[in-house]
């Protein structure tokens, strides 16, 4: 956890974010095989997931020229919402081949129209095709799974356009999660973003059970 210290966030803070961001036990990190396909279906149809993705897209004020990157797109709910909102081009990366297949089916028309590009890969090895610059970078319940998240955020900041924005979303799924759990998640995300050089931070909350937090910042 050397990177956590380098970016001003202690080991305990990183552990909290990792624990709070787990959507379900086990395959939430890397859905694969038949079980991963089932998990993807659950992710796509769980009402709170659908509401959460619609909500975060509504916070972004998407513009027709925006180039938007989602890290960990899962079954492609936010990608679909961003395309419907009129984004110029939506890019996404996810290290699960199962999620790539499901998200590609869900967004097939937008992919054929040249408005969506989805890539199988990892946040710690972003391909050259995702160099940017991006107007918005989005991550929904995935930051807790990133290796050295402080380093990853600093690298993503370098891929933002001038005045580009980042949105990091968490809805804690740990047992007994409460509004306080969500607030703790937001605090840790804010600390990570500040340490990575982001400014103008603000946090929005969607009152689900447990609440969803979205930390917005400028690069």
C-alpha atoms as a PDB file:
ATOM      1  CA  UNK A   1       0.000   0.000   0.000  1.00  0.00           C
ATOM      2  CA  UNK A   2       2.915   2.372  -0.586  1.00  0.00           C
ATOM      3  CA  UNK A   3       0.885   4.301  -3.131  1.00  0.00           C
ATOM      4  CA  UNK A   4      -1.735   5.108  -0.502  1.00  0.00           C
ATOM      5  CA  UNK A   5       0.919   6.843   1.603  1.00  0.00           C
ATOM      6  CA  UNK A   6       2.405   8.597  -1.440  1.00  0.00           C
ATOM      7  CA  UNK A   7      -0.953  10.182  -2.213  1.00  0.00           C
ATOM      8  CA  UNK A   8      -1.715  11.247   1.341  1.00  0.00           C
ATOM      9  CA  UNK A   9      -4.251   8.520   2.099  1.00  0.00           C
ATOM     10  CA  UNK A  10      -3.486   5.946   4.789  1.00  0.00           C
ATOM     11  CA  UNK A  11      -3.873   2.196   4.560  1.00  0.00           C
ATOM     12  CA  UNK A  12      -7.031   2.358   6.656  1.00  0.00           C
ATOM     13  CA  UNK A  13      -8.611   4.873   4.285  1.00  0.00           C
ATOM     14  CA  UNK A  14      -7.944   2.710   1.228  1.00  0.00           C
ATOM     15  CA  UNK A  15      -9.337  -0.318   3.062  1.00  0.00           C
ATOM     16  CA  UNK A  16     -12.526   1.576   3.863  1.00  0.00           C
ATOM     17  CA  UNK A  17     -13.072   2.560   0.228  1.00  0.00           C
ATOM     18  CA  UNK A  18     -12.403  -0.991  -0.942  1.00  0.00           C
ATOM     19  CA  UNK A  19     -14.878  -2.409   1.564  1.00  0.00           C
ATOM     20  CA  UNK A  20     -17.592   0.173   0.978  1.00  0.00           C
ATOM     21  CA  UNK A  21     -17.607  -0.055  -2.814  1.00  0.00           C
ATOM     22  CA  UNK A  22     -18.269  -3.802  -3.050  1.00  0.00           C
ATOM     23  CA  UNK A  23     -21.641  -4.132  -4.754  1.00  0.00           C
ATOM     24  CA  UNK A  24     -21.947  -7.867  -4.049  1.00  0.00           C
ATOM     25  CA  UNK A  25     -19.567 -10.418  -2.589  1.00  0.00           C
ATOM     26  CA  UNK A  26     -17.211 -12.358  -4.847  1.00  0.00           C
ATOM     27  CA  UNK A  27     -17.848 -11.761  -8.526  1.00  0.00           C
ATOM     28  CA  UNK A  28     -18.600  -8.057  -8.204  1.00  0.00           C
ATOM     29  CA  UNK A  29     -14.885  -7.486  -8.713  1.00  0.00           C
ATOM     30  CA  UNK A  30     -14.531  -9.520 -11.911  1.00  0.00           C
ATOM     31  CA  UNK A  31     -17.679 -11.247 -13.244  1.00  0.00           C
ATOM     32  CA  UNK A  32     -16.768 -14.286 -15.331  1.00  0.00           C
ATOM     33  CA  UNK A  33     -18.299 -17.489 -16.595  1.00  0.00           C
ATOM     34  CA  UNK A  34     -21.919 -18.488 -16.112  1.00  0.00           C
ATOM     35  CA  UNK A  35     -22.060 -17.029 -12.606  1.00  0.00           C
ATOM     36  CA  UNK A  36     -20.715 -13.741 -13.928  1.00  0.00           C
ATOM     37  CA  UNK A  37     -23.439 -13.637 -16.569  1.00  0.00           C
ATOM     38  CA  UNK A  38     -26.069 -14.084 -13.867  1.00  0.00           C
ATOM     39  CA  UNK A  39     -24.457 -11.343 -11.780  1.00  0.00           C
ATOM     40  CA  UNK A  40     -24.473  -9.041 -14.793  1.00  0.00           C
ATOM     41  CA  UNK A  41     -28.180  -9.653 -15.281  1.00  0.00           C
ATOM     42  CA  UNK A  42     -28.782  -8.860 -11.603  1.00  0.00           C
ATOM     43  CA  UNK A  43     -26.697  -5.668 -11.839  1.00  0.00           C
ATOM     44  CA  UNK A  44     -28.642  -4.559 -14.902  1.00  0.00           C
ATOM     45  CA  UNK A  45     -32.106  -5.190 -13.466  1.00  0.00           C
ATOM     46  CA  UNK A  46     -31.719  -4.233  -9.808  1.00  0.00           C
ATOM     47  CA  UNK A  47     -33.942  -1.117  -9.439  1.00  0.00           C
ATOM     48  CA  UNK A  48     -31.447   0.712  -7.236  1.00  0.00           C
ATOM     49  CA  UNK A  49     -28.697   0.206  -9.815  1.00  0.00           C
ATOM     50  CA  UNK A  50     -30.860   1.597 -12.605  1.00  0.00           C
ATOM     51  CA  UNK A  51     -31.934   4.571 -10.500  1.00  0.00           C
ATOM     52  CA  UNK A  52     -28.358   5.205  -9.375  1.00  0.00           C
ATOM     53  CA  UNK A  53     -27.050   5.346 -12.949  1.00  0.00           C
ATOM     54  CA  UNK A  54     -29.862   7.616 -14.177  1.00  0.00           C
ATOM     55  CA  UNK A  55     -29.218   9.929 -11.261  1.00  0.00           C
ATOM     56  CA  UNK A  56     -25.480  10.286 -11.747  1.00  0.00           C
ATOM     57  CA  UNK A  57     -25.916  11.011 -15.454  1.00  0.00           C
ATOM     58  CA  UNK A  58     -28.440  13.717 -14.540  1.00  0.00           C
ATOM     59  CA  UNK A  59     -25.732  15.391 -12.415  1.00  0.00           C
ATOM     60  CA  UNK A  60     -23.276  15.693 -15.285  1.00  0.00           C
ATOM     61  CA  UNK A  61     -25.089  18.192 -17.516  1.00  0.00           C
ATOM     62  CA  UNK A  62     -24.072  16.224 -20.605  1.00  0.00           C
ATOM     63  CA  UNK A  63     -23.362  18.320 -23.717  1.00  0.00           C
ATOM     64  CA  UNK A  64     -23.427  17.203 -27.373  1.00  0.00           C
ATOM     65  CA  UNK A  65     -19.664  17.607 -27.840  1.00  0.00           C
ATOM     66  CA  UNK A  66     -18.686  15.803 -24.623  1.00  0.00           C
ATOM     67  CA  UNK A  67     -16.231  12.914 -24.740  1.00  0.00           C
ATOM     68  CA  UNK A  68     -16.965  10.781 -21.687  1.00  0.00           C
ATOM     69  CA  UNK A  69     -15.052   7.813 -20.254  1.00  0.00           C
ATOM     70  CA  UNK A  70     -16.557   5.335 -17.806  1.00  0.00           C
ATOM     71  CA  UNK A  71     -14.219   3.126 -15.790  1.00  0.00           C
ATOM     72  CA  UNK A  72     -15.863  -0.212 -14.969  1.00  0.00           C
ATOM     73  CA  UNK A  73     -19.036   0.051 -17.056  1.00  0.00           C
ATOM     74  CA  UNK A  74     -20.482  -3.301 -15.922  1.00  0.00           C
ATOM     75  CA  UNK A  75     -23.613  -4.181 -17.907  1.00  0.00           C
ATOM     76  CA  UNK A  76     -23.570  -0.756 -19.572  1.00  0.00           C
ATOM     77  CA  UNK A  77     -26.404   1.071 -17.797  1.00  0.00           C
ATOM     78  CA  UNK A  78     -24.603   4.408 -17.429  1.00  0.00           C
ATOM     79  CA  UNK A  79     -23.196   4.133 -20.953  1.00  0.00           C
ATOM     80  CA  UNK A  80     -26.743   3.800 -22.291  1.00  0.00           C
ATOM     81  CA  UNK A  81     -27.944   6.741 -20.194  1.00  0.00           C
ATOM     82  CA  UNK A  82     -25.056   8.917 -21.388  1.00  0.00           C
ATOM     83  CA  UNK A  83     -25.779   8.080 -25.017  1.00  0.00           C
ATOM     84  CA  UNK A  84     -29.474   8.860 -24.520  1.00  0.00           C
ATOM     85  CA  UNK A  85     -28.511  12.159 -22.858  1.00  0.00           C
ATOM     86  CA  UNK A  86     -26.777  13.198 -26.087  1.00  0.00           C
ATOM     87  CA  UNK A  87     -23.081  12.827 -25.279  1.00  0.00           C
ATOM     88  CA  UNK A  88     -20.845  13.230 -28.316  1.00  0.00           C
ATOM     89  CA  UNK A  89     -18.955   9.978 -27.698  1.00  0.00           C
ATOM     90  CA  UNK A  90     -18.995   7.585 -24.754  1.00  0.00           C
ATOM     91  CA  UNK A  91     -15.954   5.416 -24.092  1.00  0.00           C
ATOM     92  CA  UNK A  92     -15.793   2.646 -21.526  1.00  0.00           C
ATOM     93  CA  UNK A  93     -13.318   0.157 -20.128  1.00  0.00           C
ATOM     94  CA  UNK A  94     -14.034  -2.934 -18.036  1.00  0.00           C
ATOM     95  CA  UNK A  95     -11.765  -5.871 -17.255  1.00  0.00           C
ATOM     96  CA  UNK A  96     -14.613  -8.404 -17.430  1.00  0.00           C
ATOM     97  CA  UNK A  97     -15.210  -9.973 -20.846  1.00  0.00           C
ATOM     98  CA  UNK A  98     -18.678 -10.991 -19.598  1.00  0.00           C
ATOM     99  CA  UNK A  99     -19.567  -7.358 -18.862  1.00  0.00           C
ATOM    100  CA  UNK A 100     -18.148  -6.276 -22.223  1.00  0.00           C
ATOM    101  CA  UNK A 101     -20.492  -8.688 -24.003  1.00  0.00           C
ATOM    102  CA  UNK A 102     -23.538  -7.607 -21.998  1.00  0.00           C
ATOM    103  CA  UNK A 103     -22.795  -3.881 -22.297  1.00  0.00           C
ATOM    104  CA  UNK A 104     -22.127  -4.234 -26.026  1.00  0.00           C
ATOM    105  CA  UNK A 105     -25.506  -5.885 -26.550  1.00  0.00           C
ATOM    106  CA  UNK A 106     -27.249  -3.218 -24.471  1.00  0.00           C
ATOM    107  CA  UNK A 107     -25.579  -0.431 -26.472  1.00  0.00           C
ATOM    108  CA  UNK A 108     -25.421  -2.140 -29.878  1.00  0.00           C
ATOM    109  CA  UNK A 109     -27.223   0.617 -31.785  1.00  0.00           C
ATOM    110  CA  UNK A 110     -25.016   3.380 -30.353  1.00  0.00           C
ATOM    111  CA  UNK A 111     -21.894   1.330 -31.098  1.00  0.00           C
ATOM    112  CA  UNK A 112     -22.996   0.846 -34.716  1.00  0.00           C
ATOM    113  CA  UNK A 113     -23.650   4.587 -34.965  1.00  0.00           C
ATOM    114  CA  UNK A 114     -20.091   5.337 -33.837  1.00  0.00           C
ATOM    115  CA  UNK A 115     -21.200   7.035 -30.607  1.00  0.00           C
ATOM    116  CA  UNK A 116     -20.011   4.383 -28.117  1.00  0.00           C
ATOM    117  CA  UNK A 117     -16.678   2.553 -27.859  1.00  0.00           C
ATOM    118  CA  UNK A 118     -16.256  -0.200 -25.252  1.00  0.00           C
ATOM    119  CA  UNK A 119     -12.906  -1.819 -24.445  1.00  0.00           C
ATOM    120  CA  UNK A 120     -11.919  -4.875 -22.415  1.00  0.00           C
ATOM    121  CA  UNK A 121      -9.058  -3.764 -20.157  1.00  0.00           C
ATOM    122  CA  UNK A 122      -7.928  -2.544 -16.764  1.00  0.00           C
ATOM    123  CA  UNK A 123      -7.791   0.916 -15.208  1.00  0.00           C
ATOM    124  CA  UNK A 124      -4.099   0.389 -14.387  1.00  0.00           C
ATOM    125  CA  UNK A 125      -3.260  -0.350 -18.036  1.00  0.00           C
ATOM    126  CA  UNK A 126      -5.397   2.053 -20.048  1.00  0.00           C
ATOM    127  CA  UNK A 127      -4.890   1.559 -23.791  1.00  0.00           C
ATOM    128  CA  UNK A 128      -3.684   4.362 -26.043  1.00  0.00           C
ATOM    129  CA  UNK A 129      -7.183   4.557 -27.544  1.00  0.00           C
ATOM    130  CA  UNK A 130      -8.321   5.995 -24.205  1.00  0.00           C
ATOM    131  CA  UNK A 131      -5.687   8.727 -23.920  1.00  0.00           C
ATOM    132  CA  UNK A 132      -8.359  11.420 -24.115  1.00  0.00           C
ATOM    133  CA  UNK A 133      -8.735  14.251 -23.583  1.00  0.00           C
ATOM    134  CA  UNK A 134     -12.080  13.577 -21.913  1.00  0.00           C
ATOM    135  CA  UNK A 135     -14.608  16.117 -20.718  1.00  0.00           C
ATOM    136  CA  UNK A 136     -15.946  13.743 -18.052  1.00  0.00           C
ATOM    137  CA  UNK A 137     -14.548  10.595 -16.417  1.00  0.00           C
ATOM    138  CA  UNK A 138     -17.052   8.515 -14.466  1.00  0.00           C
ATOM    139  CA  UNK A 139     -16.766   5.537 -12.111  1.00  0.00           C
ATOM    140  CA  UNK A 140     -19.788   3.945 -10.435  1.00  0.00           C
ATOM    141  CA  UNK A 141     -19.032   1.577  -7.526  1.00  0.00           C
ATOM    142  CA  UNK A 142     -15.680   0.578  -9.001  1.00  0.00           C
ATOM    143  CA  UNK A 143     -13.001   2.751  -7.381  1.00  0.00           C
ATOM    144  CA  UNK A 144     -12.766   0.405  -4.383  1.00  0.00           C
ATOM    145  CA  UNK A 145     -11.460  -2.332  -6.650  1.00  0.00           C
ATOM    146  CA  UNK A 146      -8.716  -0.264  -8.326  1.00  0.00           C
ATOM    147  CA  UNK A 147      -5.076  -1.050  -7.536  1.00  0.00           C
ATOM    148  CA  UNK A 148      -3.411   2.034  -6.006  1.00  0.00           C
ATOM    149  CA  UNK A 149      -6.487   4.241  -6.511  1.00  0.00           C
ATOM    150  CA  UNK A 150      -4.602   7.455  -5.729  1.00  0.00           C
ATOM    151  CA  UNK A 151      -2.203   6.785  -8.590  1.00  0.00           C
ATOM    152  CA  UNK A 152      -5.052   5.834 -10.904  1.00  0.00           C
ATOM    153  CA  UNK A 153      -6.918   9.068 -10.160  1.00  0.00           C
ATOM    154  CA  UNK A 154      -3.801  11.139 -10.794  1.00  0.00           C
ATOM    155  CA  UNK A 155      -3.327   9.400 -14.145  1.00  0.00           C
ATOM    156  CA  UNK A 156      -6.987   9.948 -15.086  1.00  0.00           C
ATOM    157  CA  UNK A 157      -6.644  13.631 -14.195  1.00  0.00           C
ATOM    158  CA  UNK A 158      -3.935  13.914 -16.839  1.00  0.00           C
ATOM    159  CA  UNK A 159      -6.403  12.553 -19.398  1.00  0.00           C
ATOM    160  CA  UNK A 160      -9.024  15.230 -18.728  1.00  0.00           C
ATOM    161  CA  UNK A 161      -9.608  18.182 -21.024  1.00  0.00           C
ATOM    162  CA  UNK A 162      -9.094  21.668 -19.516  1.00  0.00           C
ATOM    163  CA  UNK A 163     -11.884  22.154 -16.955  1.00  0.00           C
ATOM    164  CA  UNK A 164     -12.755  18.464 -17.341  1.00  0.00           C
ATOM    165  CA  UNK A 165     -14.668  16.807 -14.531  1.00  0.00           C
ATOM    166  CA  UNK A 166     -14.600  13.516 -12.673  1.00  0.00           C
ATOM    167  CA  UNK A 167     -17.555  11.831 -10.949  1.00  0.00           C
ATOM    168  CA  UNK A 168     -16.893   9.021  -8.462  1.00  0.00           C
ATOM    169  CA  UNK A 169     -20.005   7.221  -7.208  1.00  0.00           C
ATOM    170  CA  UNK A 170     -20.425   4.833  -4.291  1.00  0.00           C
ATOM    171  CA  UNK A 171     -23.411   3.036  -2.832  1.00  0.00           C
ATOM    172  CA  UNK A 172     -21.993   0.895  -0.009  1.00  0.00           C
ATOM    173  CA  UNK A 173     -23.223  -2.704  -0.034  1.00  0.00           C
ATOM    174  CA  UNK A 174     -21.473  -3.963   3.075  1.00  0.00           C
ATOM    175  CA  UNK A 175     -23.695  -5.588   5.701  1.00  0.00           C
ATOM    176  CA  UNK A 176     -25.480  -3.013   7.867  1.00  0.00           C
ATOM    177  CA  UNK A 177     -24.540  -0.043   5.661  1.00  0.00           C
ATOM    178  CA  UNK A 178     -26.199   3.211   6.749  1.00  0.00           C
ATOM    179  CA  UNK A 179     -26.160   6.887   5.842  1.00  0.00           C
ATOM    180  CA  UNK A 180     -23.050   7.168   8.011  1.00  0.00           C
ATOM    181  CA  UNK A 181     -21.365   4.455   5.967  1.00  0.00           C
ATOM    182  CA  UNK A 182     -22.104   6.403   2.798  1.00  0.00           C
ATOM    183  CA  UNK A 183     -20.750   9.597   4.359  1.00  0.00           C
ATOM    184  CA  UNK A 184     -17.539   7.772   5.287  1.00  0.00           C
ATOM    185  CA  UNK A 185     -17.216   6.557   1.704  1.00  0.00           C
ATOM    186  CA  UNK A 186     -17.661  10.116   0.418  1.00  0.00           C
ATOM    187  CA  UNK A 187     -15.030  11.425   2.850  1.00  0.00           C
ATOM    188  CA  UNK A 188     -12.485   8.847   1.669  1.00  0.00           C
ATOM    189  CA  UNK A 189     -13.215   9.549  -2.006  1.00  0.00           C
ATOM    190  CA  UNK A 190     -12.839  13.285  -1.396  1.00  0.00           C
ATOM    191  CA  UNK A 191      -9.465  12.691   0.292  1.00  0.00           C
ATOM    192  CA  UNK A 192      -8.269  10.579  -2.634  1.00  0.00           C
ATOM    193  CA  UNK A 193      -9.352  13.193  -5.169  1.00  0.00           C
ATOM    194  CA  UNK A 194      -7.674  16.053  -3.309  1.00  0.00           C
ATOM    195  CA  UNK A 195      -4.463  14.053  -2.975  1.00  0.00           C
ATOM    196  CA  UNK A 196      -4.539  13.372  -6.728  1.00  0.00           C
ATOM    197  CA  UNK A 197      -4.758  17.112  -7.465  1.00  0.00           C
ATOM    198  CA  UNK A 198      -8.472  17.581  -8.135  1.00  0.00           C
ATOM    199  CA  UNK A 199     -10.199  20.798  -7.080  1.00  0.00           C
ATOM    200  CA  UNK A 200     -13.718  22.265  -6.697  1.00  0.00           C
ATOM    201  CA  UNK A 201     -15.061  19.169  -4.975  1.00  0.00           C
ATOM    202  CA  UNK A 202     -18.739  18.764  -4.208  1.00  0.00           C
ATOM    203  CA  UNK A 203     -20.761  15.781  -3.022  1.00  0.00           C
ATOM    204  CA  UNK A 204     -24.330  14.910  -3.996  1.00  0.00           C
ATOM    205  CA  UNK A 205     -26.485  12.288  -2.258  1.00  0.00           C
ATOM    206  CA  UNK A 206     -29.316  10.126  -3.575  1.00  0.00           C
ATOM    207  CA  UNK A 207     -31.516   9.004  -0.639  1.00  0.00           C
ATOM    208  CA  UNK A 208     -31.710   5.270  -1.308  1.00  0.00           C
ATOM    209  CA  UNK A 209     -31.051   2.636   1.334  1.00  0.00           C
ATOM    210  CA  UNK A 210     -28.150   2.973   1.867  1.00  0.00           C
ATOM    211  CA  UNK A 211     -27.680   6.415   0.290  1.00  0.00           C
ATOM    212  CA  UNK A 212     -25.682   6.826  -2.909  1.00  0.00           C
ATOM    213  CA  UNK A 213     -22.930   9.449  -2.878  1.00  0.00           C
ATOM    214  CA  UNK A 214     -21.400  11.087  -5.941  1.00  0.00           C
ATOM    215  CA  UNK A 215     -18.243  13.144  -5.486  1.00  0.00           C
ATOM    216  CA  UNK A 216     -17.731  15.610  -8.352  1.00  0.00           C
ATOM    217  CA  UNK A 217     -14.441  17.409  -8.967  1.00  0.00           C
ATOM    218  CA  UNK A 218     -12.536  19.402 -11.566  1.00  0.00           C
ATOM    219  CA  UNK A 219      -9.177  18.293 -12.918  1.00  0.00           C
END
